[in-house]
């Protein structure tokens, strides 16, 4: 089952954006990573078998405040 995970991450600079995308891309089961929102502060992850809570915790530890917005099944 593919799922779409959207997280809002506090990213104050380009280095933070790069670090968050690298971290998410390394996760198991991830097939797509992108940025959304007017300020490019939402990280969108599409994949199969991705643990959303573990991913959000990793982002909190490495980048900063992370808020899990939605987890939905992707068709």
C-alpha atoms as a PDB file:
ATOM      1  CA  UNK A   1       0.000   0.000   0.000  1.00  0.00           C
ATOM      2  CA  UNK A   2       1.498   3.310  -1.099  1.00  0.00           C
ATOM      3  CA  UNK A   3       0.989   6.217   1.227  1.00  0.00           C
ATOM      4  CA  UNK A   4       1.444   9.974   1.033  1.00  0.00           C
ATOM      5  CA  UNK A   5       2.896  11.654   4.109  1.00  0.00           C
ATOM      6  CA  UNK A   6       2.907  15.442   4.513  1.00  0.00           C
ATOM      7  CA  UNK A   7       4.996  17.063   7.267  1.00  0.00           C
ATOM      8  CA  UNK A   8       5.567  20.706   8.089  1.00  0.00           C
ATOM      9  CA  UNK A   9       9.216  21.271   8.994  1.00  0.00           C
ATOM     10  CA  UNK A  10      10.694  24.493  10.367  1.00  0.00           C
ATOM     11  CA  UNK A  11      13.428  25.220   7.816  1.00  0.00           C
ATOM     12  CA  UNK A  12      15.150  28.578   8.187  1.00  0.00           C
ATOM     13  CA  UNK A  13      17.742  28.230   5.423  1.00  0.00           C
ATOM     14  CA  UNK A  14      18.602  26.319   2.253  1.00  0.00           C
ATOM     15  CA  UNK A  15      20.988  24.067   4.177  1.00  0.00           C
ATOM     16  CA  UNK A  16      18.096  22.903   6.383  1.00  0.00           C
ATOM     17  CA  UNK A  17      15.995  22.112   3.285  1.00  0.00           C
ATOM     18  CA  UNK A  18      18.823  20.101   1.760  1.00  0.00           C
ATOM     19  CA  UNK A  19      19.473  18.225   5.013  1.00  0.00           C
ATOM     20  CA  UNK A  20      15.789  17.349   5.452  1.00  0.00           C
ATOM     21  CA  UNK A  21      15.433  16.078   1.875  1.00  0.00           C
ATOM     22  CA  UNK A  22      18.590  13.947   2.182  1.00  0.00           C
ATOM     23  CA  UNK A  23      17.383  12.462   5.466  1.00  0.00           C
ATOM     24  CA  UNK A  24      13.938  11.596   4.103  1.00  0.00           C
ATOM     25  CA  UNK A  25      15.319  10.152   0.848  1.00  0.00           C
ATOM     26  CA  UNK A  26      17.436   7.643   2.828  1.00  0.00           C
ATOM     27  CA  UNK A  27      14.391   6.154   4.588  1.00  0.00           C
ATOM     28  CA  UNK A  28      13.258   2.648   3.646  1.00  0.00           C
ATOM     29  CA  UNK A  29      10.414   2.422   1.131  1.00  0.00           C
ATOM     30  CA  UNK A  30      10.503   6.046  -0.039  1.00  0.00           C
ATOM     31  CA  UNK A  31       9.876   6.474  -3.770  1.00  0.00           C
ATOM     32  CA  UNK A  32       9.281  10.262  -4.003  1.00  0.00           C
ATOM     33  CA  UNK A  33      10.304  13.270  -1.919  1.00  0.00           C
ATOM     34  CA  UNK A  34       9.314  16.867  -2.603  1.00  0.00           C
ATOM     35  CA  UNK A  35       8.599  20.279  -1.111  1.00  0.00           C
ATOM     36  CA  UNK A  36       5.227  22.034  -1.055  1.00  0.00           C
ATOM     37  CA  UNK A  37       3.743  25.233   0.248  1.00  0.00           C
ATOM     38  CA  UNK A  38       4.340  28.903  -0.403  1.00  0.00           C
ATOM     39  CA  UNK A  39       7.451  28.933   1.765  1.00  0.00           C
ATOM     40  CA  UNK A  40       8.578  25.410   0.736  1.00  0.00           C
ATOM     41  CA  UNK A  41       8.160  24.303   4.344  1.00  0.00           C
ATOM     42  CA  UNK A  42       6.133  21.131   3.761  1.00  0.00           C
ATOM     43  CA  UNK A  43       7.926  17.889   2.969  1.00  0.00           C
ATOM     44  CA  UNK A  44       5.887  15.397   0.927  1.00  0.00           C
ATOM     45  CA  UNK A  45       6.912  11.741   1.003  1.00  0.00           C
ATOM     46  CA  UNK A  46       5.359   9.013  -1.132  1.00  0.00           C
ATOM     47  CA  UNK A  47       6.338   5.421  -0.560  1.00  0.00           C
ATOM     48  CA  UNK A  48       5.418   1.954   0.527  1.00  0.00           C
ATOM     49  CA  UNK A  49       5.841   0.815   4.122  1.00  0.00           C
ATOM     50  CA  UNK A  50       7.233   4.150   5.370  1.00  0.00           C
ATOM     51  CA  UNK A  51       6.983   4.727   9.130  1.00  0.00           C
ATOM     52  CA  UNK A  52       5.663   8.291   9.426  1.00  0.00           C
ATOM     53  CA  UNK A  53       6.343   8.670  13.147  1.00  0.00           C
ATOM     54  CA  UNK A  54       9.924   7.433  12.864  1.00  0.00           C
ATOM     55  CA  UNK A  55      10.502   9.790   9.927  1.00  0.00           C
ATOM     56  CA  UNK A  56       9.097  12.773  11.825  1.00  0.00           C
ATOM     57  CA  UNK A  57      11.231  11.938  14.870  1.00  0.00           C
ATOM     58  CA  UNK A  58      14.368  11.769  12.726  1.00  0.00           C
ATOM     59  CA  UNK A  59      13.582  15.170  11.217  1.00  0.00           C
ATOM     60  CA  UNK A  60      13.006  16.654  14.672  1.00  0.00           C
ATOM     61  CA  UNK A  61      16.401  15.399  15.828  1.00  0.00           C
ATOM     62  CA  UNK A  62      18.366  16.576  12.775  1.00  0.00           C
ATOM     63  CA  UNK A  63      16.564  19.667  11.423  1.00  0.00           C
ATOM     64  CA  UNK A  64      14.138  21.121  13.955  1.00  0.00           C
ATOM     65  CA  UNK A  65      10.454  21.353  14.821  1.00  0.00           C
ATOM     66  CA  UNK A  66       8.437  18.935  12.683  1.00  0.00           C
ATOM     67  CA  UNK A  67       4.672  18.600  12.586  1.00  0.00           C
ATOM     68  CA  UNK A  68       2.987  15.578  10.999  1.00  0.00           C
ATOM     69  CA  UNK A  69       0.105  16.987   8.940  1.00  0.00           C
ATOM     70  CA  UNK A  70      -1.358  13.981   7.139  1.00  0.00           C
ATOM     71  CA  UNK A  71      -0.887  10.337   6.259  1.00  0.00           C
ATOM     72  CA  UNK A  72      -3.129   9.107   3.452  1.00  0.00           C
ATOM     73  CA  UNK A  73      -3.319   6.136   1.128  1.00  0.00           C
ATOM     74  CA  UNK A  74      -2.001   6.940  -2.355  1.00  0.00           C
ATOM     75  CA  UNK A  75      -3.689   5.313  -5.355  1.00  0.00           C
END
